[in-house]
Amino acid sequence: MDRVGQRPVVLAAGATCTVALASFGLAGAFGGPVWLVAVLAGLAGVTVPAITTAVRAWLAIALLDEGHRGASYALLSALFQTAVTVGPVLVSLSLLVRGPVLAVGAAAVMTLAATVLYSVTGSGHGPPHLARAPQVTSSLWTPGLVTLLVAAGLEGVAAGMTAVAVPGVMTEAGSAPLAGVGFAALAIGEVLGALVFGSRTWAGSRGVQLPVVQCGAAPVAALVCLASPQTWLLVIAMCGAGVAIAPSSVLKSALLDVVGDEAAVARSYSLLVAAGLVAAAAGNALAGLLVESTGVNGLLAFPVLALALATAWTAARRRTLHAEPPAPRR
């Protein structure tokens, strides 16, 4: 995206993903060979159009006012979390109505619709259509970006361990269905937190704000741990955790404008997302290794430690988050 522009990449990926999903659904419905189903599923997965990344990169050059950019990043984060919450619900409804074929077909249709909408919006009104020409950029791996990636990784480990611990806690309490409610509450909290944080301008630079908001995440994670014996209390605490964590996600995204090259925002944002996802998977694995010795309730103590380490790391390297942003290239 940074080299050839967002629109061509989104169009190519969206078209490929749509065809792969449709073919995957047909192959599964008509009893295709397992290897073909696996190949189509893998192709669909690696070509999911990175529209969120494209919009994030576009916002950095389309909005000149820092306050407007911060609000737009918060709204983008809230929309993403809303999609994460609604998506599994739509899959469950599809499975109840017509089975997995409907779910895969709906995914193909929504992928195509999102790709077309992005393309039409870009062609008609300009914003996403402001494709960048290839530019020579400075080093992608700035000290500030490393700070953000490690912080995202530690927060991802906390999220991954929580994703294993909460269903285990609910299952042991005989309330397994409440696990889904708990994660829905977490997502709702993240949406609310992002919207509230982005709705106003806060004192201090973003580099100062990040360790400050991170300070609130570990204590709330501790409340989640303490609430684990009572399932409904745990659900409420999960919502509070979402509210506490959301500003950190918004600020890490916004700080990419400060610590990196303006021409490499898409790559930087992709790395930030990837760091969180890989770390969450590592958190899943670590929880699986530790659960026999700690019990599922004991697992919830580790996210507190991970979030505290993220806060300490960011605070110790806060100077790397105050670099002057590069001059806008219009």
Protein backbone atom coordinates (compact mmCIF):
# COMPACT_ATOMS: atom_id res chain seq x y z
CA MET A 1 0.00 0.00 0.00
CA ASP A 2 2.81 2.40 0.82
CA ARG A 3 4.45 1.73 -2.55
CA VAL A 4 1.57 1.45 -5.06
CA GLY A 5 -1.34 3.03 -3.18
CA GLN A 6 -4.19 1.63 -1.13
CA ARG A 7 -6.88 1.28 -3.78
CA PRO A 8 -5.13 -1.14 -6.19
CA VAL A 9 -4.09 -3.40 -3.31
CA VAL A 10 -7.57 -3.46 -1.77
CA LEU A 11 -9.22 -4.17 -5.14
CA ALA A 12 -6.85 -7.02 -6.01
CA ALA A 13 -7.06 -8.60 -2.55
CA GLY A 14 -10.85 -8.16 -2.30
CA ALA A 15 -11.52 -9.76 -5.67
CA THR A 16 -9.22 -12.70 -4.92
CA CYS A 17 -10.68 -13.21 -1.45
CA THR A 18 -14.27 -13.10 -2.74
CA VAL A 19 -13.57 -15.75 -5.40
CA ALA A 20 -11.66 -17.91 -2.91
CA LEU A 21 -14.46 -17.75 -0.32
CA ALA A 22 -17.15 -18.56 -2.88
CA SER A 23 -15.09 -21.47 -4.22
CA PHE A 24 -14.38 -22.66 -0.69
CA GLY A 25 -18.11 -22.73 0.09
CA LEU A 26 -18.93 -24.59 -3.12
CA ALA A 27 -16.13 -27.11 -2.62
CA GLY A 28 -17.33 -27.81 0.89
CA ALA A 29 -20.99 -28.05 -0.11
CA PHE A 30 -20.34 -30.49 -2.97
CA GLY A 31 -17.83 -32.66 -1.16
CA GLY A 32 -14.62 -31.42 -2.77
CA PRO A 33 -11.27 -32.96 -1.81
CA VAL A 34 -9.87 -31.91 1.53
CA TRP A 35 -6.67 -30.51 -0.01
CA LEU A 36 -8.68 -28.21 -2.29
CA VAL A 37 -10.82 -26.97 0.60
CA ALA A 38 -7.65 -26.31 2.62
CA VAL A 39 -5.96 -24.43 -0.24
CA LEU A 40 -9.03 -22.25 -0.86
CA ALA A 41 -9.41 -21.50 2.84
CA GLY A 42 -5.74 -20.51 3.05
CA LEU A 43 -6.00 -18.34 -0.07
CA ALA A 44 -9.07 -16.58 1.33
CA GLY A 45 -7.28 -15.99 4.60
CA VAL A 46 -4.13 -14.41 3.16
CA THR A 47 -6.07 -12.18 0.74
CA VAL A 48 -8.60 -10.64 3.14
CA PRO A 49 -8.56 -6.99 1.98
CA ALA A 50 -6.82 -4.83 4.58
CA ILE A 51 -9.41 -2.06 4.39
CA THR A 52 -8.87 -1.05 8.01
CA THR A 53 -5.16 -0.58 7.31
CA ALA A 54 -5.93 1.34 4.10
CA VAL A 55 -8.31 3.70 5.89
CA ARG A 56 -5.84 4.19 8.73
CA ALA A 57 -3.09 5.12 6.27
CA TRP A 58 -5.43 7.46 4.40
CA LEU A 59 -6.58 9.26 7.56
CA ALA A 60 -2.99 10.24 8.33
CA ILE A 61 -2.78 12.30 5.12
CA ALA A 62 -6.42 13.33 4.67
CA LEU A 63 -6.91 15.04 8.05
CA LEU A 64 -4.49 17.81 8.92
CA ASP A 65 -5.93 18.66 12.34
CA GLU A 66 -4.42 16.50 15.08
CA GLY A 67 -7.63 16.47 17.10
CA HIS A 68 -9.66 15.31 14.11
CA ARG A 69 -7.15 12.57 13.38
CA GLY A 70 -7.27 11.34 16.98
CA ALA A 71 -11.07 11.24 16.91
CA SER A 72 -11.06 9.40 13.59
CA TYR A 73 -8.60 6.79 14.89
CA ALA A 74 -10.87 6.24 17.90
CA LEU A 75 -13.91 5.84 15.64
CA LEU A 76 -12.01 3.40 13.42
CA SER A 77 -11.05 1.35 16.49
CA ALA A 78 -14.67 1.37 17.72
CA LEU A 79 -15.97 0.22 14.33
CA PHE A 80 -13.41 -2.57 14.22
CA GLN A 81 -14.40 -3.80 17.67
CA THR A 82 -18.06 -3.63 16.71
CA ALA A 83 -17.35 -5.84 13.71
CA VAL A 84 -15.43 -8.29 15.91
CA THR A 85 -18.47 -8.48 18.20
CA VAL A 86 -21.16 -8.72 15.52
CA GLY A 87 -19.28 -11.14 13.23
CA PRO A 88 -19.47 -14.24 15.45
CA VAL A 89 -23.14 -13.51 16.14
CA LEU A 90 -23.89 -13.45 12.41
CA VAL A 91 -21.98 -16.73 11.95
CA SER A 92 -24.01 -18.35 14.74
CA LEU A 93 -27.28 -17.17 13.16
CA SER A 94 -26.15 -18.46 9.76
CA LEU A 95 -25.33 -21.85 11.24
CA LEU A 96 -28.77 -22.03 12.83
CA VAL A 97 -30.59 -21.04 9.64
CA ARG A 98 -28.76 -22.80 6.82
CA GLY A 99 -25.48 -24.20 8.07
CA PRO A 100 -21.87 -23.30 7.28
CA VAL A 101 -22.48 -22.71 3.56
CA LEU A 102 -24.59 -19.64 4.34
CA ALA A 103 -21.93 -18.32 6.72
CA VAL A 104 -19.18 -18.64 4.08
CA GLY A 105 -21.45 -17.19 1.39
CA ALA A 106 -22.29 -14.23 3.59
CA ALA A 107 -18.57 -13.66 4.20
CA ALA A 108 -17.95 -13.64 0.44
CA VAL A 109 -20.78 -11.17 -0.17
CA MET A 110 -19.64 -8.83 2.62
CA THR A 111 -16.04 -8.96 1.39
CA LEU A 112 -17.18 -8.02 -2.11
CA ALA A 113 -19.48 -5.28 -0.79
CA ALA A 114 -16.71 -3.77 1.35
CA THR A 115 -14.27 -3.81 -1.57
CA VAL A 116 -16.75 -2.21 -3.96
CA LEU A 117 -17.80 0.41 -1.39
CA TYR A 118 -14.17 1.35 -0.77
CA SER A 119 -13.54 1.58 -4.50
CA VAL A 120 -16.63 3.66 -5.25
CA THR A 121 -16.00 6.02 -2.35
CA GLY A 122 -12.43 6.53 -3.53
CA SER A 123 -13.44 7.16 -7.13
CA GLY A 124 -16.32 9.47 -6.37
CA HIS A 125 -15.05 11.62 -3.56
CA GLY A 126 -11.31 11.33 -3.53
CA PRO A 127 -10.21 10.32 0.00
CA PRO A 128 -9.16 6.67 -0.36
CA HIS A 129 -8.41 7.43 -4.02
CA LEU A 130 -5.46 9.60 -2.90
CA ALA A 131 -3.05 6.84 -3.77
CA ARG A 132 0.54 7.64 -2.99
CA ALA A 133 3.29 7.46 -5.53
CA PRO A 134 6.22 5.28 -4.57
CA GLN A 135 8.54 7.23 -2.29
CA VAL A 136 11.92 6.69 -0.76
CA THR A 137 11.34 6.36 2.96
CA SER A 138 13.53 6.37 6.02
CA SER A 139 14.10 3.28 8.14
CA LEU A 140 10.87 1.61 9.16
CA TRP A 141 12.31 0.31 12.44
CA THR A 142 12.50 3.48 14.48
CA PRO A 143 13.00 3.32 18.28
CA GLY A 144 9.47 4.64 18.76
CA LEU A 145 7.97 1.91 16.60
CA VAL A 146 9.88 -0.73 18.56
CA THR A 147 8.43 0.74 21.76
CA LEU A 148 4.90 0.46 20.39
CA LEU A 149 5.40 -3.06 19.02
CA VAL A 150 6.71 -4.43 22.33
CA ALA A 151 3.87 -2.73 24.21
CA ALA A 152 1.35 -4.20 21.75
CA GLY A 153 2.98 -7.60 22.17
CA LEU A 154 2.71 -7.57 25.96
CA GLU A 155 -0.91 -6.44 25.75
CA GLY A 156 -1.53 -9.19 23.20
CA VAL A 157 -0.14 -11.82 25.57
CA ALA A 158 -2.53 -10.53 28.24
CA ALA A 159 -5.46 -10.78 25.82
CA GLY A 160 -4.46 -14.28 24.70
CA MET A 161 -4.20 -15.64 28.23
CA THR A 162 -7.52 -14.04 29.15
CA ALA A 163 -9.13 -15.68 26.11
CA VAL A 164 -8.17 -19.09 27.53
CA ALA A 165 -8.81 -18.35 31.19
CA VAL A 166 -12.31 -16.86 31.02
CA PRO A 167 -14.01 -19.80 29.24
CA GLY A 168 -12.26 -22.14 31.68
CA VAL A 169 -13.52 -20.16 34.66
CA MET A 170 -17.06 -20.12 33.28
CA THR A 171 -16.98 -23.85 32.51
CA GLU A 172 -15.76 -24.74 35.99
CA ALA A 173 -18.57 -22.62 37.44
CA GLY A 174 -21.14 -24.45 35.30
CA SER A 175 -21.90 -21.31 33.28
CA ALA A 176 -20.10 -22.03 30.02
CA PRO A 177 -22.53 -19.97 27.86
CA LEU A 178 -21.57 -16.86 29.85
CA ALA A 179 -18.08 -16.98 28.33
CA GLY A 180 -19.47 -15.53 25.13
CA VAL A 181 -21.34 -12.89 27.11
CA GLY A 182 -18.10 -11.97 28.87
CA PHE A 183 -16.22 -11.40 25.63
CA ALA A 184 -19.16 -9.46 24.21
CA ALA A 185 -18.99 -7.26 27.31
CA LEU A 186 -15.24 -6.83 26.73
CA ALA A 187 -15.84 -5.73 23.13
CA ILE A 188 -18.64 -3.36 24.15
CA GLY A 189 -16.33 -1.85 26.75
CA GLU A 190 -13.63 -1.35 24.12
CA VAL A 191 -16.11 0.40 21.80
CA LEU A 192 -17.32 2.68 24.59
CA GLY A 193 -13.78 3.39 25.77
CA ALA A 194 -12.58 4.29 22.27
CA LEU A 195 -15.56 6.55 21.60
CA VAL A 196 -15.32 8.35 24.94
CA PHE A 197 -11.55 8.79 24.68
CA GLY A 198 -11.76 10.05 21.11
CA SER A 199 -14.63 12.44 21.78
CA ARG A 200 -12.46 15.07 23.43
CA THR A 201 -8.94 16.45 23.47
CA TRP A 202 -6.87 15.40 26.47
CA ALA A 203 -4.00 17.26 28.12
CA GLY A 204 -0.46 16.30 27.23
CA SER A 205 1.12 14.80 24.16
CA ARG A 206 0.21 11.30 23.02
CA GLY A 207 3.59 10.05 24.16
CA VAL A 208 2.74 11.20 27.69
CA GLN A 209 -0.85 9.97 27.52
CA LEU A 210 0.04 6.38 26.56
CA PRO A 211 1.82 5.29 29.78
CA VAL A 212 -0.79 7.20 31.80
CA VAL A 213 -3.75 5.31 30.31
CA GLN A 214 -1.79 2.05 30.52
CA CYS A 215 -1.53 2.58 34.27
CA GLY A 216 -5.27 1.97 34.50
CA ALA A 217 -5.24 -1.32 32.59
CA ALA A 218 -3.33 -3.49 35.09
CA PRO A 219 -5.53 -2.58 38.11
CA VAL A 220 -8.67 -3.32 36.10
CA ALA A 221 -7.16 -6.65 35.02
CA ALA A 222 -6.56 -7.34 38.71
CA LEU A 223 -10.28 -6.70 39.31
CA VAL A 224 -11.06 -9.25 36.60
CA CYS A 225 -8.89 -11.76 38.45
CA LEU A 226 -10.55 -11.00 41.78
CA ALA A 227 -14.03 -11.20 40.23
CA SER A 228 -13.46 -14.65 38.71
CA PRO A 229 -15.24 -16.60 41.52
CA GLN A 230 -18.51 -14.79 40.65
CA THR A 231 -19.40 -15.24 36.97
CA TRP A 232 -21.73 -12.26 36.55
CA LEU A 233 -19.30 -10.04 38.40
CA LEU A 234 -16.63 -11.30 36.02
CA VAL A 235 -18.77 -10.24 33.04
CA ILE A 236 -19.07 -6.72 34.46
CA ALA A 237 -15.33 -6.59 35.14
CA MET A 238 -14.67 -7.66 31.55
CA CYS A 239 -16.65 -4.67 30.32
CA GLY A 240 -14.57 -2.43 32.58
CA ALA A 241 -11.40 -4.00 31.20
CA GLY A 242 -12.49 -3.13 27.67
CA VAL A 243 -13.07 0.49 28.66
CA ALA A 244 -9.63 0.67 30.29
CA ILE A 245 -7.73 -0.95 27.42
CA ALA A 246 -9.32 0.92 24.50
CA PRO A 247 -7.47 4.26 24.91
CA SER A 248 -4.14 2.45 24.73
CA SER A 249 -5.06 0.93 21.35
CA VAL A 250 -6.18 4.31 20.02
CA LEU A 251 -3.00 6.04 21.19
CA LYS A 252 -0.66 3.39 19.78
CA SER A 253 -2.32 3.85 16.39
CA ALA A 254 -2.14 7.65 16.64
CA LEU A 255 1.52 7.57 17.68
CA LEU A 256 2.46 5.95 14.38
CA ASP A 257 2.14 9.45 12.90
CA VAL A 258 4.81 10.65 15.34
CA VAL A 259 7.36 7.84 15.51
CA GLY A 260 7.41 6.68 11.89
CA ASP A 261 7.69 7.87 8.32
CA GLU A 262 4.43 9.26 6.94
CA ALA A 263 5.03 7.23 3.76
CA ALA A 264 5.20 3.95 5.71
CA VAL A 265 2.07 4.24 7.85
CA ALA A 266 0.39 1.21 6.28
CA ARG A 267 3.39 -1.01 6.98
CA SER A 268 3.76 0.33 10.51
CA TYR A 269 0.07 -0.21 11.28
CA SER A 270 0.17 -3.73 9.81
CA LEU A 271 3.16 -4.55 12.02
CA LEU A 272 1.33 -3.17 15.06
CA VAL A 273 -1.72 -5.34 14.36
CA ALA A 274 0.43 -8.39 13.59
CA ALA A 275 2.40 -7.97 16.83
CA GLY A 276 -0.83 -8.03 18.82
CA LEU A 277 -2.21 -11.08 16.99
CA VAL A 278 1.00 -13.12 17.22
CA ALA A 279 1.37 -12.22 20.89
CA ALA A 280 -2.25 -13.22 21.55
CA ALA A 281 -1.56 -16.63 19.99
CA ALA A 282 1.53 -16.93 22.18
CA GLY A 283 -0.63 -16.02 25.18
CA ASN A 284 -3.04 -18.81 24.24
CA ALA A 285 -0.18 -21.32 24.13
CA LEU A 286 1.37 -20.06 27.36
CA ALA A 287 -1.98 -20.35 29.14
CA GLY A 288 -2.31 -23.93 27.92
CA LEU A 289 1.11 -24.76 29.37
CA LEU A 290 0.46 -23.11 32.74
CA VAL A 291 -3.15 -24.04 33.44
CA GLU A 292 -2.35 -27.40 35.07
CA SER A 293 -0.11 -25.75 37.64
CA THR A 294 -2.07 -22.55 38.26
CA GLY A 295 -5.67 -23.53 37.61
CA VAL A 296 -7.92 -21.43 35.38
CA ASN A 297 -8.49 -18.80 38.05
CA GLY A 298 -4.76 -18.46 38.60
CA LEU A 299 -4.22 -17.80 34.89
CA LEU A 300 -5.97 -14.44 35.26
CA ALA A 301 -3.08 -13.18 37.37
CA PHE A 302 -0.70 -13.30 34.41
CA PRO A 303 -2.50 -10.66 32.30
CA VAL A 304 -2.04 -8.29 35.25
CA LEU A 305 1.70 -8.89 35.11
CA ALA A 306 1.85 -8.52 31.32
CA LEU A 307 -0.04 -5.22 31.39
CA ALA A 308 2.13 -3.91 34.23
CA LEU A 309 5.24 -4.79 32.19
CA ALA A 310 3.76 -3.00 29.16
CA THR A 311 3.24 0.12 31.29
CA ALA A 312 6.77 -0.02 32.70
CA TRP A 313 8.26 -0.58 29.23
CA THR A 314 6.40 2.36 27.70
CA ALA A 315 7.20 4.66 30.62
CA ALA A 316 10.91 3.75 30.46
CA ARG A 317 11.02 4.47 26.72
CA ARG A 318 8.65 7.42 26.65
CA ARG A 319 11.31 9.66 25.09
CA THR A 320 11.17 7.55 21.93
CA LEU A 321 7.51 8.55 21.51
CA HIS A 322 8.22 12.28 21.22
CA ALA A 323 10.05 12.43 17.91
CA GLU A 324 8.98 15.21 15.60
CA PRO A 325 6.57 13.94 12.95
CA PRO A 326 7.82 14.13 9.38
CA ALA A 327 6.57 17.02 7.27
CA PRO A 328 3.31 16.17 5.46
CA ARG A 329 3.75 15.15 1.86
CA ARG A 330 0.82 16.47 -0.10
